[in-house]
Amino acid sequence: MRKYNIIINVLFWTLIVAVAFAAVWSYVKYADNIKKIITGNIPANEKIVIKKEPVIVSKTETKVVEWYYFVATGYSANDPTQGTNNKTATGKEVYEGVIAVDPKIIPLGTVVEIKDLGKFIAEDTGGKIKGNRVDIYFNSKEEAKKFGTKNIWLRIITDKNEIAGDFLSKN
């Protein structure tokens, strides 16, 4: 029994010495960087660089656009298996170009662009549409089924609610 206690003590103190050595070595090697982080003193010539995707608006104007990652599915009107009818959550008749959204994320009435698919308007909601999910309306059940589920990039074109835009940029 005493033999095992000695082995455990030796292993314990070896681990303590190794950790202490690693701490001292990293402090010596990276002392300047550690001091900068602790004190918050970053020299003026060191700048933090943030890159965003530039988009050409016209020949003379370029602006930065933020794209958000979403999961998109297709849906159609009057489909009992999906629980849909021919009216949107805003009370309008559903038409191509409508998407169903989580109104906490994208407010109803917001115009969005889905990369490689075009522009859509958020006029519907759905029971399973929560967070970064959207449902794209198709005229037929076959088209919706053919679309299936896809990962998409979406950007806000007209934002009716600044809070939703702030939420998207933080998440």
Protein backbone atom coordinates (compact mmCIF):
# COMPACT_ATOMS: atom_id res chain seq x y z
CA MET A 1 0.00 0.00 0.00
CA ARG A 2 2.86 2.38 0.89
CA LYS A 3 4.43 1.67 -2.52
CA TYR A 4 1.33 2.99 -4.33
CA ASN A 5 1.25 6.15 -2.18
CA ILE A 6 4.85 6.91 -3.12
CA ILE A 7 4.09 6.41 -6.85
CA ILE A 8 1.02 8.67 -6.65
CA ASN A 9 3.02 11.37 -4.81
CA VAL A 10 5.82 11.23 -7.37
CA LEU A 11 3.32 11.50 -10.26
CA PHE A 12 1.48 14.37 -8.55
CA TRP A 13 4.61 16.44 -7.94
CA THR A 14 5.90 15.69 -11.44
CA LEU A 15 2.63 17.08 -12.83
CA ILE A 16 2.89 20.18 -10.61
CA VAL A 17 6.48 20.85 -11.76
CA ALA A 18 5.50 20.36 -15.44
CA VAL A 19 2.58 22.81 -15.14
CA ALA A 20 4.75 25.37 -13.35
CA PHE A 21 7.48 25.00 -16.00
CA ALA A 22 4.93 25.47 -18.83
CA ALA A 23 3.50 28.58 -17.15
CA VAL A 24 6.93 30.18 -16.61
CA TRP A 25 8.07 29.29 -20.15
CA SER A 26 4.94 30.74 -21.79
CA TYR A 27 5.23 33.90 -19.67
CA VAL A 28 8.86 34.40 -20.66
CA LYS A 29 8.22 33.68 -24.34
CA TYR A 30 5.01 35.75 -24.64
CA ALA A 31 5.54 38.33 -21.85
CA ASP A 32 4.98 41.33 -24.12
CA ASN A 33 1.72 39.95 -25.54
CA ILE A 34 0.45 38.96 -22.09
CA LYS A 35 1.17 42.45 -20.72
CA LYS A 36 -0.69 44.02 -23.68
CA ILE A 37 -3.74 41.80 -23.07
CA ILE A 38 -3.78 42.38 -19.30
CA THR A 39 -3.29 46.16 -19.46
CA GLY A 40 -5.24 46.71 -22.67
CA ASN A 41 -2.38 48.80 -24.07
CA ILE A 42 -2.30 48.01 -27.75
CA PRO A 43 0.13 50.23 -29.69
CA ALA A 44 -1.44 52.64 -32.19
CA ASN A 45 0.26 50.91 -35.12
CA GLU A 46 -1.47 47.57 -34.30
CA LYS A 47 -5.03 47.58 -35.69
CA ILE A 48 -7.77 44.99 -35.60
CA VAL A 49 -8.93 44.19 -39.14
CA ILE A 50 -12.53 43.18 -39.89
CA LYS A 51 -13.38 42.04 -43.40
CA LYS A 52 -16.83 42.04 -44.93
CA GLU A 53 -18.01 41.27 -48.44
CA PRO A 54 -17.98 44.35 -50.69
CA VAL A 55 -20.85 44.58 -53.15
CA ILE A 56 -20.85 46.91 -56.15
CA VAL A 57 -24.04 48.95 -56.01
CA SER A 58 -23.25 50.98 -59.11
CA LYS A 59 -20.15 51.83 -61.14
CA THR A 60 -19.33 54.62 -58.71
CA GLU A 61 -20.55 53.18 -55.40
CA THR A 62 -19.59 50.10 -53.38
CA LYS A 63 -21.00 49.14 -49.99
CA VAL A 64 -20.48 46.29 -47.52
CA VAL A 65 -23.33 43.78 -47.19
CA GLU A 66 -23.86 41.25 -44.42
CA TRP A 67 -25.18 37.82 -45.41
CA TYR A 68 -26.76 35.51 -42.84
CA TYR A 69 -26.85 31.71 -42.86
CA PHE A 70 -30.35 30.17 -42.90
CA VAL A 71 -31.98 26.82 -43.61
CA ALA A 72 -34.74 27.01 -46.24
CA THR A 73 -37.53 24.58 -47.03
CA GLY A 74 -40.28 24.70 -49.62
CA TYR A 75 -44.02 24.87 -48.95
CA SER A 76 -47.22 25.18 -50.96
CA ALA A 77 -50.79 26.39 -50.32
CA ASN A 78 -53.74 24.23 -49.29
CA ASP A 79 -51.57 21.32 -48.16
CA PRO A 80 -53.16 19.54 -45.17
CA THR A 81 -49.96 17.60 -44.44
CA GLN A 82 -48.11 20.89 -43.96
CA GLY A 83 -51.05 22.62 -42.30
CA THR A 84 -51.17 25.41 -44.88
CA ASN A 85 -54.02 27.27 -46.55
CA ASN A 86 -54.05 30.00 -49.19
CA LYS A 87 -53.72 32.93 -46.74
CA THR A 88 -50.51 34.33 -45.25
CA ALA A 89 -50.06 35.46 -41.66
CA THR A 90 -50.54 39.05 -42.87
CA GLY A 91 -53.97 38.11 -44.31
CA LYS A 92 -52.97 38.28 -47.97
CA GLU A 93 -53.39 35.51 -50.49
CA VAL A 94 -50.15 33.58 -50.82
CA TYR A 95 -48.11 34.03 -54.03
CA GLU A 96 -44.65 33.20 -55.39
CA GLY A 97 -42.08 35.48 -53.79
CA VAL A 98 -43.45 35.00 -50.26
CA ILE A 99 -41.43 33.43 -47.49
CA ALA A 100 -42.49 32.28 -44.05
CA VAL A 101 -40.21 33.52 -41.27
CA ASP A 102 -39.83 33.72 -37.51
CA PRO A 103 -41.07 37.31 -36.94
CA LYS A 104 -38.72 37.64 -33.94
CA ILE A 105 -35.81 37.32 -36.38
CA ILE A 106 -37.16 38.82 -39.62
CA PRO A 107 -40.18 41.10 -39.14
CA LEU A 108 -43.19 40.59 -41.41
CA GLY A 109 -43.05 42.92 -44.40
CA THR A 110 -39.26 42.79 -44.69
CA VAL A 111 -37.80 42.33 -48.19
CA VAL A 112 -34.86 39.93 -48.32
CA GLU A 113 -32.56 38.55 -50.97
CA ILE A 114 -31.66 34.89 -51.00
CA LYS A 115 -28.36 34.31 -52.76
CA ASP A 116 -28.86 32.68 -56.18
CA LEU A 117 -32.68 32.62 -55.77
CA GLY A 118 -33.75 36.28 -55.84
CA LYS A 119 -35.83 38.67 -53.75
CA PHE A 120 -38.65 37.63 -51.42
CA ILE A 121 -40.98 39.30 -48.94
CA ALA A 122 -41.60 37.99 -45.42
CA GLU A 123 -45.40 37.76 -45.20
CA ASP A 124 -46.01 34.38 -43.57
CA THR A 125 -45.12 32.43 -40.46
CA GLY A 126 -45.10 28.76 -39.67
CA GLY A 127 -45.23 26.53 -36.62
CA LYS A 128 -41.85 24.98 -37.38
CA ILE A 129 -40.22 28.21 -38.53
CA LYS A 130 -38.07 29.24 -35.57
CA GLY A 131 -34.73 31.04 -35.53
CA ASN A 132 -32.67 30.94 -38.71
CA ARG A 133 -35.21 29.00 -40.80
CA VAL A 134 -37.38 30.19 -43.69
CA ASP A 135 -40.06 28.53 -45.81
CA ILE A 136 -40.19 29.52 -49.49
CA TYR A 137 -43.63 29.40 -51.14
CA PHE A 138 -44.06 27.42 -54.37
CA ASN A 139 -47.19 27.23 -56.54
CA SER A 140 -47.33 23.43 -56.39
CA LYS A 141 -46.63 20.75 -53.84
CA GLU A 142 -44.31 19.03 -56.36
CA GLU A 143 -42.13 22.14 -56.72
CA ALA A 144 -41.94 22.55 -52.94
CA LYS A 145 -41.01 18.90 -52.51
CA LYS A 146 -38.40 19.15 -55.29
CA PHE A 147 -36.82 22.17 -53.55
CA GLY A 148 -36.59 20.18 -50.31
CA THR A 149 -34.30 21.58 -47.62
CA LYS A 150 -31.28 23.73 -48.48
CA ASN A 151 -28.70 25.82 -46.69
CA ILE A 152 -28.91 29.39 -47.97
CA TRP A 153 -27.40 32.83 -47.51
CA LEU A 154 -29.87 35.63 -46.92
CA ARG A 155 -29.50 39.40 -46.62
CA ILE A 156 -31.94 42.06 -45.48
CA ILE A 157 -32.86 44.58 -48.20
CA THR A 158 -35.49 46.63 -46.36
CA ASP A 159 -35.56 46.24 -42.61
CA LYS A 160 -38.81 47.32 -40.95
CA ASN A 161 -37.42 46.69 -37.47
CA GLU A 162 -33.89 47.64 -36.38
CA ILE A 163 -34.01 45.24 -33.43
CA ALA A 164 -34.21 42.23 -35.75
CA GLY A 165 -31.25 43.51 -37.76
CA ASP A 166 -29.24 43.90 -34.55
CA PHE A 167 -30.21 40.38 -33.45
CA LEU A 168 -29.09 38.89 -36.77
CA SER A 169 -25.70 40.63 -36.64
CA LYS A 170 -25.05 39.32 -33.10
CA ASN A 171 -26.04 35.71 -33.83
